N, C-alpha and C. Protein backbone atom coordinates (compact mmCIF):
# COMPACT_ATOMS: atom_id res chain seq x y z
N MET A 1 16.52 -5.45 -19.49
CA MET A 1 15.01 -5.35 -18.90
C MET A 1 14.76 -6.20 -17.72
N ILE A 2 14.33 -5.58 -16.45
CA ILE A 2 14.02 -6.82 -15.57
C ILE A 2 12.94 -7.65 -15.78
N ASP A 3 13.04 -8.66 -15.33
CA ASP A 3 11.77 -9.72 -15.39
C ASP A 3 10.89 -9.69 -14.41
N ARG A 4 9.92 -10.59 -14.69
CA ARG A 4 8.64 -10.36 -13.63
C ARG A 4 8.91 -10.83 -12.13
N HIS A 5 9.82 -11.72 -12.15
CA HIS A 5 10.33 -12.04 -10.75
C HIS A 5 11.08 -10.91 -9.95
N GLU A 6 11.78 -10.12 -10.78
CA GLU A 6 12.53 -8.92 -10.25
C GLU A 6 11.53 -7.85 -9.82
N ALA A 7 10.69 -7.61 -10.77
CA ALA A 7 9.48 -6.62 -10.74
C ALA A 7 8.59 -6.95 -9.46
N ILE A 8 8.39 -8.26 -8.91
CA ILE A 8 7.46 -8.47 -7.97
C ILE A 8 8.43 -8.25 -6.61
N ILE A 9 9.73 -8.24 -6.67
CA ILE A 9 10.41 -7.91 -5.70
C ILE A 9 10.48 -6.44 -5.42
N TRP A 10 10.51 -5.76 -6.52
CA TRP A 10 10.37 -4.44 -6.49
C TRP A 10 8.95 -3.92 -5.77
N LEU A 11 7.78 -4.57 -6.43
CA LEU A 11 6.64 -4.22 -5.87
C LEU A 11 6.48 -4.29 -4.42
N LYS A 12 7.00 -5.50 -3.85
CA LYS A 12 6.82 -5.84 -2.51
C LYS A 12 7.64 -4.79 -1.60
N LYS A 13 8.76 -4.67 -2.33
CA LYS A 13 9.57 -3.56 -1.25
C LYS A 13 9.04 -2.10 -1.17
N TYR A 14 8.21 -1.72 -2.37
CA TYR A 14 7.58 -0.47 -2.13
C TYR A 14 6.28 -0.33 -1.91
N LEU A 15 5.61 -1.37 -1.98
CA LEU A 15 4.15 -1.38 -1.53
C LEU A 15 3.85 -2.29 -0.64
N ASN A 16 3.32 -1.82 0.57
CA ASN A 16 2.87 -2.68 1.90
C ASN A 16 1.47 -3.18 1.71
N ASP A 17 0.64 -2.16 1.18
CA ASP A 17 -0.87 -2.32 1.10
C ASP A 17 -1.36 -3.66 0.29
N ASP A 18 -1.97 -4.55 0.95
CA ASP A 18 -2.09 -5.67 -0.12
C ASP A 18 -3.28 -5.10 -1.09
N LYS A 19 -3.90 -4.15 -0.96
CA LYS A 19 -4.99 -3.69 -1.90
C LYS A 19 -4.17 -3.22 -3.28
N LEU A 20 -3.14 -2.37 -2.90
CA LEU A 20 -2.35 -1.79 -3.78
C LEU A 20 -1.55 -2.82 -4.65
N ILE A 21 -1.16 -3.93 -4.11
CA ILE A 21 -0.29 -4.80 -4.64
C ILE A 21 -1.37 -5.53 -5.59
N LYS A 22 -2.72 -5.83 -4.95
CA LYS A 22 -3.59 -6.64 -5.91
C LYS A 22 -4.04 -5.93 -7.12
N HIS A 23 -3.90 -4.52 -6.94
CA HIS A 23 -4.62 -3.55 -7.86
C HIS A 23 -3.41 -3.70 -8.92
N SER A 24 -1.90 -3.58 -8.57
CA SER A 24 -0.90 -3.82 -9.70
C SER A 24 -1.27 -5.13 -10.37
N TYR A 25 -1.38 -6.17 -9.69
CA TYR A 25 -1.73 -7.58 -10.28
C TYR A 25 -2.80 -7.36 -11.34
N SER A 26 -3.72 -6.55 -10.93
CA SER A 26 -5.07 -6.44 -11.88
C SER A 26 -4.70 -5.65 -13.20
N VAL A 27 -3.68 -4.61 -12.96
CA VAL A 27 -3.45 -3.85 -14.15
C VAL A 27 -2.34 -4.58 -15.07
N GLU A 28 -1.57 -5.28 -14.51
CA GLU A 28 -0.75 -6.17 -15.17
C GLU A 28 -1.61 -7.32 -16.21
N ALA A 29 -2.47 -7.71 -15.43
CA ALA A 29 -3.12 -8.92 -16.27
C ALA A 29 -3.87 -8.13 -17.42
N ILE A 30 -4.78 -7.05 -16.88
CA ILE A 30 -5.30 -6.13 -18.11
C ILE A 30 -4.39 -5.88 -19.31
N MET A 31 -3.28 -5.26 -18.71
CA MET A 31 -2.41 -4.79 -19.87
C MET A 31 -1.71 -5.99 -20.84
N GLY A 32 -1.57 -7.20 -20.06
CA GLY A 32 -1.49 -8.32 -20.81
C GLY A 32 -2.53 -8.66 -22.07
N ASN A 33 -3.66 -8.79 -21.62
CA ASN A 33 -4.73 -9.00 -22.56
C ASN A 33 -4.90 -7.90 -23.68
N ILE A 34 -4.58 -6.79 -23.35
CA ILE A 34 -4.95 -5.65 -24.26
C ILE A 34 -3.50 -5.76 -25.07
N ALA A 35 -2.25 -5.93 -24.78
CA ALA A 35 -1.21 -6.32 -25.55
C ALA A 35 -1.42 -7.44 -26.58
N GLU A 36 -1.93 -8.49 -26.13
CA GLU A 36 -2.10 -9.51 -26.89
C GLU A 36 -2.85 -9.34 -28.10
N PHE A 37 -4.26 -8.51 -27.91
CA PHE A 37 -5.47 -7.99 -28.62
C PHE A 37 -4.62 -7.19 -29.72
N LEU A 38 -3.87 -6.05 -29.20
CA LEU A 38 -3.04 -5.24 -30.00
C LEU A 38 -1.89 -5.92 -30.94
N ASN A 39 -1.59 -7.15 -30.54
CA ASN A 39 -0.45 -7.74 -31.42
C ASN A 39 1.13 -6.95 -30.80
N ARG A 40 0.98 -6.66 -29.42
CA ARG A 40 2.16 -5.74 -28.93
C ARG A 40 2.87 -6.78 -27.92
N ASP A 41 3.97 -6.64 -27.42
CA ASP A 41 4.90 -7.35 -26.39
C ASP A 41 4.01 -7.40 -25.19
N ILE A 42 3.42 -8.79 -24.94
CA ILE A 42 2.87 -8.86 -23.90
C ILE A 42 3.54 -8.84 -22.46
N GLU A 43 4.67 -9.44 -22.35
CA GLU A 43 5.23 -9.43 -21.19
C GLU A 43 5.81 -8.11 -20.81
N PHE A 44 6.05 -7.19 -21.78
CA PHE A 44 6.51 -5.83 -21.51
C PHE A 44 5.34 -4.82 -21.03
N TRP A 45 4.20 -5.29 -21.71
CA TRP A 45 3.22 -4.36 -21.24
C TRP A 45 2.54 -4.83 -19.76
N LYS A 46 2.67 -6.01 -19.70
CA LYS A 46 2.29 -6.59 -18.33
C LYS A 46 3.45 -6.02 -17.22
N LEU A 47 4.51 -5.98 -17.57
CA LEU A 47 5.61 -5.31 -16.65
C LEU A 47 5.03 -3.91 -16.37
N VAL A 48 4.90 -3.13 -17.36
CA VAL A 48 4.25 -1.73 -16.96
C VAL A 48 3.28 -1.66 -16.39
N GLY A 49 2.18 -2.38 -16.45
CA GLY A 49 1.09 -2.44 -15.55
C GLY A 49 1.39 -2.84 -14.18
N LEU A 50 2.25 -3.83 -14.09
CA LEU A 50 2.61 -4.39 -12.72
C LEU A 50 3.44 -3.22 -11.88
N LEU A 51 4.33 -2.71 -12.53
CA LEU A 51 5.02 -1.37 -11.76
C LEU A 51 4.42 -0.23 -11.78
N HIS A 52 3.23 0.22 -12.26
CA HIS A 52 2.82 1.54 -12.77
C HIS A 52 2.52 2.28 -11.23
N ASP A 53 2.35 1.61 -10.21
CA ASP A 53 2.16 2.47 -8.97
C ASP A 53 2.93 2.25 -7.81
N LEU A 54 4.17 2.09 -8.27
CA LEU A 54 5.35 1.44 -7.35
C LEU A 54 5.46 2.75 -6.18
N ASP A 55 5.27 3.82 -6.53
CA ASP A 55 5.41 4.88 -5.44
C ASP A 55 4.41 5.48 -5.00
N TYR A 56 3.37 4.91 -5.06
CA TYR A 56 1.84 5.20 -4.72
C TYR A 56 1.92 5.41 -3.22
N GLU A 57 2.39 4.67 -2.37
CA GLU A 57 2.25 4.82 -0.73
C GLU A 57 3.36 6.14 -0.33
N TYR A 58 4.18 6.35 -1.20
CA TYR A 58 5.19 7.53 -0.78
C TYR A 58 4.74 8.55 -1.15
N THR A 59 3.87 8.70 -2.43
CA THR A 59 3.30 10.09 -2.85
C THR A 59 1.88 10.37 -2.85
N LYS A 60 1.15 9.40 -2.02
CA LYS A 60 -0.64 9.72 -2.07
C LYS A 60 -0.74 10.86 -1.49
N GLY A 61 0.02 11.56 -0.72
CA GLY A 61 -0.35 12.91 -0.16
C GLY A 61 0.20 14.08 -1.14
N ASN A 62 0.76 13.64 -2.21
CA ASN A 62 1.58 14.63 -3.05
C ASN A 62 1.39 13.98 -4.46
N PRO A 63 0.18 14.25 -5.18
CA PRO A 63 -0.10 13.56 -6.20
C PRO A 63 1.06 14.09 -7.31
N GLU A 64 1.25 15.56 -7.35
CA GLU A 64 2.34 15.78 -8.20
C GLU A 64 3.50 14.98 -8.43
N ASN A 65 4.02 14.10 -7.27
CA ASN A 65 5.07 13.57 -7.44
C ASN A 65 4.86 12.00 -7.57
N HIS A 66 3.47 11.68 -7.90
CA HIS A 66 3.32 10.22 -8.36
C HIS A 66 3.81 10.11 -9.72
N SER A 67 4.21 8.80 -9.94
CA SER A 67 5.12 8.37 -11.17
C SER A 67 6.46 9.00 -11.34
N GLN A 68 6.80 10.06 -10.76
CA GLN A 68 8.17 10.57 -11.00
C GLN A 68 9.27 9.68 -10.16
N ILE A 69 8.78 9.18 -8.84
CA ILE A 69 9.93 8.30 -8.10
C ILE A 69 9.92 7.13 -8.89
N THR A 70 8.61 6.85 -9.27
CA THR A 70 8.72 5.33 -10.01
C THR A 70 9.53 5.35 -11.33
N SER A 71 9.43 6.47 -12.13
CA SER A 71 10.19 6.51 -13.19
C SER A 71 11.60 6.61 -12.88
N GLU A 72 12.09 7.49 -11.90
CA GLU A 72 13.57 7.40 -11.41
C GLU A 72 14.14 6.15 -11.04
N LEU A 73 13.19 5.38 -10.15
CA LEU A 73 13.84 3.99 -9.76
C LEU A 73 13.94 3.13 -11.06
N LEU A 74 12.89 3.17 -12.04
CA LEU A 74 13.01 2.20 -13.02
C LEU A 74 13.88 2.53 -14.33
N ASP A 75 14.52 3.62 -14.13
CA ASP A 75 15.24 4.45 -15.24
C ASP A 75 16.55 3.46 -15.63
N GLY A 76 16.71 2.92 -16.70
CA GLY A 76 17.64 1.86 -17.14
C GLY A 76 17.33 0.38 -16.70
N LEU A 77 16.26 0.00 -16.12
CA LEU A 77 15.75 -1.33 -15.94
C LEU A 77 14.60 -1.59 -16.79
N ILE A 78 13.77 -0.84 -17.37
CA ILE A 78 12.75 -0.88 -18.17
C ILE A 78 12.88 -0.10 -19.45
N PRO A 79 12.42 -0.50 -20.55
CA PRO A 79 12.70 0.56 -21.62
C PRO A 79 11.80 2.00 -21.39
N GLU A 80 12.63 2.85 -22.08
CA GLU A 80 11.82 4.31 -21.86
C GLU A 80 10.53 4.46 -22.24
N GLU A 81 10.11 3.67 -23.29
CA GLU A 81 8.63 3.68 -23.26
C GLU A 81 7.65 3.12 -22.47
N GLY A 82 8.27 2.22 -21.66
CA GLY A 82 7.29 1.94 -20.30
C GLY A 82 7.64 3.01 -19.13
N ILE A 83 8.69 3.62 -19.11
CA ILE A 83 8.70 4.74 -18.34
C ILE A 83 7.89 5.89 -18.47
N ASN A 84 7.73 6.20 -19.68
CA ASN A 84 6.84 7.09 -20.39
C ASN A 84 5.37 7.12 -20.17
N ALA A 85 5.02 5.76 -20.44
CA ALA A 85 3.68 5.19 -19.97
C ALA A 85 3.22 5.52 -18.59
N ILE A 86 4.22 5.08 -17.68
CA ILE A 86 4.05 5.33 -16.08
C ILE A 86 3.87 6.75 -15.87
N LYS A 87 4.76 7.67 -16.45
CA LYS A 87 4.55 9.11 -16.24
C LYS A 87 3.17 9.37 -17.00
N ALA A 88 2.86 8.85 -18.00
CA ALA A 88 1.63 9.41 -18.64
C ALA A 88 0.16 9.02 -17.84
N HIS A 89 0.45 7.90 -17.00
CA HIS A 89 -0.90 7.51 -16.43
C HIS A 89 -1.18 8.56 -15.22
N ASN A 90 -0.22 9.36 -15.00
CA ASN A 90 -0.50 10.43 -13.94
C ASN A 90 -0.24 11.79 -14.66
N TYR A 91 -0.83 12.12 -15.90
CA TYR A 91 -0.71 13.22 -16.86
C TYR A 91 -1.13 14.36 -16.28
N LEU A 92 -2.09 14.14 -15.46
CA LEU A 92 -2.57 15.59 -14.82
C LEU A 92 -1.70 16.27 -13.96
N TYR A 93 -0.81 15.57 -13.49
CA TYR A 93 0.37 16.12 -12.46
C TYR A 93 1.81 16.01 -13.39
N SER A 94 2.05 14.99 -14.02
CA SER A 94 3.39 14.83 -14.63
C SER A 94 3.54 15.50 -15.76
N LYS A 95 2.54 16.22 -16.23
CA LYS A 95 2.83 17.01 -17.51
C LYS A 95 3.46 16.17 -18.87
N TYR A 96 3.29 14.74 -18.49
CA TYR A 96 3.59 13.95 -19.88
C TYR A 96 2.27 13.65 -20.35
N ILE A 97 2.12 14.14 -21.51
CA ILE A 97 0.82 13.93 -22.27
C ILE A 97 0.91 12.43 -22.99
N PRO A 98 -0.29 11.62 -22.63
CA PRO A 98 -0.27 10.33 -23.28
C PRO A 98 -0.34 10.53 -24.59
N ALA A 99 0.61 9.51 -25.67
CA ALA A 99 0.45 9.85 -26.76
C ALA A 99 0.65 8.34 -27.28
N SER A 100 1.20 7.40 -26.95
CA SER A 100 1.51 5.98 -27.42
C SER A 100 0.49 5.27 -26.99
N SER A 101 0.28 4.06 -27.65
CA SER A 101 -0.82 3.16 -27.48
C SER A 101 -0.66 2.62 -25.89
N ILE A 102 0.54 2.39 -25.64
CA ILE A 102 0.77 1.74 -24.06
C ILE A 102 0.55 2.85 -23.17
N ASP A 103 0.70 4.33 -23.49
CA ASP A 103 0.66 5.14 -22.37
C ASP A 103 -1.15 5.01 -22.24
N LYS A 104 -1.77 5.26 -23.27
CA LYS A 104 -3.49 5.25 -23.35
C LYS A 104 -3.73 3.96 -22.75
N SER A 105 -3.27 2.80 -23.14
CA SER A 105 -3.88 1.43 -22.42
C SER A 105 -3.56 1.57 -21.10
N LEU A 106 -2.59 1.90 -20.67
CA LEU A 106 -2.39 1.94 -18.98
C LEU A 106 -3.16 2.67 -18.32
N ILE A 107 -3.54 3.95 -18.66
CA ILE A 107 -4.37 4.72 -18.23
C ILE A 107 -5.95 4.03 -18.22
N ALA A 108 -6.11 3.44 -19.38
CA ALA A 108 -7.55 2.94 -19.45
C ALA A 108 -7.71 1.51 -18.50
N ALA A 109 -6.55 1.07 -18.46
CA ALA A 109 -6.49 -0.17 -17.54
C ALA A 109 -6.73 0.02 -16.07
N ASP A 110 -5.74 1.01 -15.74
CA ASP A 110 -5.69 1.52 -14.29
C ASP A 110 -7.25 1.82 -13.83
N ALA A 111 -7.96 2.64 -14.86
CA ALA A 111 -9.56 2.92 -14.26
C ALA A 111 -10.23 1.64 -14.60
N ALA A 112 -10.10 0.82 -15.46
CA ALA A 112 -11.14 -0.35 -15.55
C ALA A 112 -10.78 -1.13 -14.52
N SER A 113 -9.66 -1.57 -13.99
CA SER A 113 -9.57 -2.48 -12.88
C SER A 113 -10.44 -1.87 -11.73
N GLY A 114 -10.47 -0.79 -11.39
CA GLY A 114 -11.27 -0.23 -10.56
C GLY A 114 -12.91 -0.57 -10.55
N LEU A 115 -13.33 -0.25 -11.84
CA LEU A 115 -14.78 -0.51 -12.05
C LEU A 115 -14.96 -2.03 -12.04
N ILE A 116 -14.28 -2.95 -12.44
CA ILE A 116 -14.32 -4.26 -12.30
C ILE A 116 -14.42 -4.63 -10.87
N ILE A 117 -13.44 -4.31 -10.20
CA ILE A 117 -13.37 -4.76 -8.74
C ILE A 117 -14.64 -4.34 -8.21
N ALA A 118 -15.12 -2.97 -8.20
CA ALA A 118 -16.18 -2.48 -7.60
C ALA A 118 -17.52 -3.24 -8.09
N SER A 119 -17.44 -3.55 -9.09
CA SER A 119 -18.69 -4.51 -9.88
C SER A 119 -18.79 -5.81 -9.24
N ALA A 120 -17.65 -6.57 -8.91
CA ALA A 120 -17.42 -7.81 -8.32
C ALA A 120 -17.89 -7.73 -6.69
N LEU A 121 -17.64 -6.72 -6.11
CA LEU A 121 -17.90 -6.30 -4.70
C LEU A 121 -19.33 -6.33 -4.35
N VAL A 122 -20.11 -5.91 -5.50
CA VAL A 122 -21.60 -5.52 -5.16
C VAL A 122 -22.26 -6.88 -5.54
N MET A 123 -21.57 -7.95 -5.88
CA MET A 123 -22.46 -9.19 -6.29
C MET A 123 -22.64 -10.00 -4.81
N PRO A 124 -23.53 -10.66 -4.92
CA PRO A 124 -23.74 -11.28 -3.69
C PRO A 124 -22.74 -12.06 -3.04
N SER A 125 -21.95 -12.98 -3.97
CA SER A 125 -20.61 -13.86 -3.49
C SER A 125 -19.62 -12.90 -3.45
N LYS A 126 -19.52 -11.72 -4.05
CA LYS A 126 -18.30 -10.81 -3.90
C LYS A 126 -17.06 -11.61 -4.79
N LYS A 127 -17.58 -12.29 -5.87
CA LYS A 127 -16.48 -13.11 -6.68
C LYS A 127 -16.84 -12.29 -8.26
N LEU A 128 -15.46 -12.23 -9.05
CA LEU A 128 -15.63 -11.87 -10.17
C LEU A 128 -16.26 -12.59 -11.32
N ASN A 129 -16.51 -14.01 -11.01
CA ASN A 129 -17.03 -15.08 -11.82
C ASN A 129 -18.52 -14.65 -12.22
N GLU A 130 -19.00 -13.80 -11.06
CA GLU A 130 -20.58 -13.41 -11.15
C GLU A 130 -20.67 -12.08 -11.82
N VAL A 131 -19.61 -11.57 -12.46
CA VAL A 131 -19.69 -10.19 -13.02
C VAL A 131 -19.91 -10.72 -14.48
N LYS A 132 -20.93 -10.35 -15.07
CA LYS A 132 -21.02 -10.48 -16.68
C LYS A 132 -20.85 -9.37 -17.35
N ILE A 133 -20.35 -9.38 -18.61
CA ILE A 133 -20.14 -8.27 -19.56
C ILE A 133 -21.23 -7.28 -19.47
N GLU A 134 -22.25 -7.83 -19.76
CA GLU A 134 -23.68 -6.98 -19.74
C GLU A 134 -23.69 -6.16 -18.60
N SER A 135 -23.84 -6.65 -17.44
CA SER A 135 -23.93 -5.82 -16.29
C SER A 135 -22.69 -4.86 -15.99
N LEU A 136 -21.58 -5.28 -16.35
CA LEU A 136 -20.46 -4.28 -16.17
C LEU A 136 -20.63 -3.12 -17.23
N ILE A 137 -21.12 -3.37 -18.44
CA ILE A 137 -21.51 -2.20 -19.18
C ILE A 137 -22.52 -1.21 -18.92
N LYS A 138 -23.50 -1.81 -18.10
CA LYS A 138 -24.37 -1.11 -17.31
C LYS A 138 -23.89 -0.14 -16.13
N LYS A 139 -22.85 -1.02 -15.61
CA LYS A 139 -22.29 -0.22 -14.58
C LYS A 139 -21.43 0.97 -15.03
N TYR A 140 -20.66 0.61 -16.03
CA TYR A 140 -19.79 1.76 -16.83
C TYR A 140 -20.91 3.03 -17.18
N ASN A 141 -21.97 2.53 -17.59
CA ASN A 141 -22.84 3.75 -18.16
C ASN A 141 -23.45 4.53 -16.90
N ASP A 142 -23.64 3.87 -15.76
CA ASP A 142 -24.41 4.51 -14.63
C ASP A 142 -23.27 5.05 -13.79
N LYS A 143 -23.28 6.62 -14.05
CA LYS A 143 -22.35 7.48 -13.23
C LYS A 143 -22.31 7.51 -11.84
N THR A 144 -23.45 6.93 -11.34
CA THR A 144 -23.65 7.00 -9.79
C THR A 144 -22.92 5.59 -9.41
N PHE A 145 -22.61 4.89 -10.16
CA PHE A 145 -21.71 3.70 -9.58
C PHE A 145 -20.50 3.90 -9.75
N ALA A 146 -19.66 3.54 -8.53
CA ALA A 146 -18.36 3.74 -8.61
C ALA A 146 -17.86 5.32 -9.23
N LYS A 147 -18.54 6.16 -8.37
CA LYS A 147 -18.08 7.65 -8.85
C LYS A 147 -16.91 7.98 -9.04
N GLY A 148 -15.75 7.22 -8.19
CA GLY A 148 -14.23 7.50 -8.39
C GLY A 148 -13.74 7.08 -9.62
N CYS A 149 -14.38 6.27 -10.31
CA CYS A 149 -13.79 5.81 -11.80
C CYS A 149 -14.13 6.52 -12.84
N ASP A 150 -13.13 7.22 -13.26
CA ASP A 150 -13.24 8.33 -14.30
C ASP A 150 -13.24 7.54 -15.81
N ARG A 151 -14.52 7.54 -16.10
CA ARG A 151 -14.96 6.82 -17.37
C ARG A 151 -14.13 7.50 -18.52
N LYS A 152 -13.70 8.55 -18.74
CA LYS A 152 -12.97 9.39 -19.64
C LYS A 152 -11.67 8.62 -19.68
N ARG A 153 -11.30 8.23 -18.61
CA ARG A 153 -9.63 7.55 -18.54
C ARG A 153 -9.94 6.18 -19.44
N ILE A 154 -11.18 5.46 -19.10
CA ILE A 154 -11.33 4.13 -19.74
C ILE A 154 -11.50 4.55 -21.27
N LYS A 155 -12.36 5.45 -21.70
CA LYS A 155 -12.52 5.93 -22.86
C LYS A 155 -11.38 6.20 -23.97
N LEU A 156 -10.23 6.08 -23.26
CA LEU A 156 -8.91 6.26 -24.00
C LEU A 156 -8.53 5.16 -24.81
N CYS A 157 -9.05 3.93 -24.69
CA CYS A 157 -9.23 2.77 -25.30
C CYS A 157 -9.67 3.13 -26.72
N LEU A 158 -10.45 3.81 -26.86
CA LEU A 158 -10.77 4.21 -28.28
C LEU A 158 -9.52 4.85 -29.21
N ASP A 159 -8.89 5.50 -28.61
CA ASP A 159 -7.53 5.93 -29.33
C ASP A 159 -6.65 4.94 -29.64
N VAL A 160 -6.73 3.69 -29.30
CA VAL A 160 -5.64 2.63 -29.66
C VAL A 160 -6.54 1.66 -30.43
N GLY A 161 -7.74 1.99 -30.62
CA GLY A 161 -8.66 1.34 -31.70
C GLY A 161 -9.36 0.08 -31.03
N ILE A 162 -9.73 0.32 -29.70
CA ILE A 162 -10.57 -0.67 -29.06
C ILE A 162 -11.81 0.00 -28.74
N GLU A 163 -13.15 -0.53 -29.06
CA GLU A 163 -14.26 0.03 -28.55
C GLU A 163 -14.52 -0.24 -27.00
N VAL A 164 -15.00 0.44 -26.33
CA VAL A 164 -15.15 0.38 -24.91
C VAL A 164 -15.75 -0.90 -24.48
N GLU A 165 -16.68 -1.35 -25.12
CA GLU A 165 -17.14 -2.70 -24.84
C GLU A 165 -16.31 -3.81 -24.97
N LYS A 166 -15.50 -3.86 -25.93
CA LYS A 166 -14.42 -4.76 -26.05
C LYS A 166 -13.21 -4.73 -25.04
N PHE A 167 -13.02 -3.54 -24.80
CA PHE A 167 -11.68 -3.33 -23.82
C PHE A 167 -12.26 -3.86 -22.58
N LEU A 168 -13.49 -3.57 -22.03
CA LEU A 168 -14.03 -4.04 -20.90
C LEU A 168 -14.34 -5.44 -20.99
N GLU A 169 -14.54 -5.91 -22.02
CA GLU A 169 -14.67 -7.52 -21.99
C GLU A 169 -13.28 -8.24 -21.69
N LEU A 170 -12.28 -7.71 -22.49
CA LEU A 170 -10.62 -8.13 -22.35
C LEU A 170 -10.44 -7.94 -20.97
N SER A 171 -10.67 -6.65 -20.29
CA SER A 171 -10.21 -6.37 -19.12
C SER A 171 -10.81 -7.49 -17.95
N LEU A 172 -12.32 -7.81 -18.16
CA LEU A 172 -12.74 -8.62 -17.47
C LEU A 172 -12.47 -9.97 -17.29
N SER A 173 -12.29 -10.19 -18.61
CA SER A 173 -11.66 -11.77 -18.77
C SER A 173 -10.24 -11.63 -18.20
N ALA A 174 -9.25 -10.83 -18.13
CA ALA A 174 -7.96 -10.83 -17.52
C ALA A 174 -8.33 -10.82 -16.18
N LEU A 175 -9.06 -10.26 -15.36
CA LEU A 175 -9.14 -10.42 -14.03
C LEU A 175 -9.90 -11.69 -13.43
N LYS A 176 -10.87 -12.13 -14.45
CA LYS A 176 -11.30 -13.44 -14.12
C LYS A 176 -10.15 -14.55 -13.96
N GLU A 177 -9.27 -14.57 -14.89
CA GLU A 177 -8.21 -15.40 -15.12
C GLU A 177 -7.26 -15.28 -13.57
N ILE A 178 -7.05 -14.23 -12.90
CA ILE A 178 -6.46 -14.19 -11.81
C ILE A 178 -7.29 -13.99 -10.46
N SER A 179 -8.40 -14.41 -10.65
CA SER A 179 -9.43 -13.82 -9.48
C SER A 179 -9.01 -14.66 -8.47
N ASN A 180 -8.22 -15.81 -8.22
CA ASN A 180 -7.86 -16.59 -6.98
C ASN A 180 -6.69 -15.63 -6.41
N ASP A 181 -5.95 -15.14 -7.26
CA ASP A 181 -4.62 -14.35 -6.64
C ASP A 181 -5.18 -12.70 -6.17
N LEU A 182 -6.63 -12.43 -6.44
CA LEU A 182 -7.33 -11.23 -5.92
C LEU A 182 -8.21 -11.61 -4.79
N ASP A 183 -8.25 -12.72 -4.50
CA ASP A 183 -9.53 -13.07 -3.70
C ASP A 183 -10.76 -12.77 -4.02
N LEU A 184 -10.96 -12.71 -5.08
CA LEU A 184 -12.44 -12.42 -5.67
C LEU A 184 -12.84 -13.57 -6.64
C-alpha cells in the first residue's frame, strides 16, 4: 500500500485546483476521525479520503467516469476495499452500491466537508474556529443553506452506527485540526 507521502505526490500530479486539493485534505481528516471513532485502520481510511477525487478534474464534465479513472490508477496500490469505497462515493454513476462502513463513511465525509466549509465561510472571520457544533446542526437542518450539500449523503453515517450530530462533531473537529492547511 502506498503511504501518505506517495499519495500527496499522486494528488498533486492529478489535481491542480487548490480548492480540490484542500477538499481532499478535508475528507482525509474527517475519515481519520471517523476511523478512530469506529476503531478502524486510521491511516488507510485517511488515504482513501485523500485520494477519493483524484480524477475529478479529468471527469467533471463526465460524471459517469468519476472514480473509474481513480480506481484504475490505484489498482494494486491500495487495498480493494479502498478502491471500492472510492467507486461507491460516486454510486449514482459507478453503479457500485455502497455496502461497507468505509464506503458509507466516505460518502458522508465528502458531503460533510462541504457543509462545514460553507459554514466557516459565512462566519465574520471566515474561520473554522468560529463554527460551533450547535450552529452547524442548525445549518444542517436548514435546507436553504448550502443547497448543493446532499444531507442524505451525510445521513449514511447512521448506517455505520454514528448519529448525525456526532458525525458532524467528529467532522468539525477534524477540520479544525487542519484549519491552517485549509486557510480557514
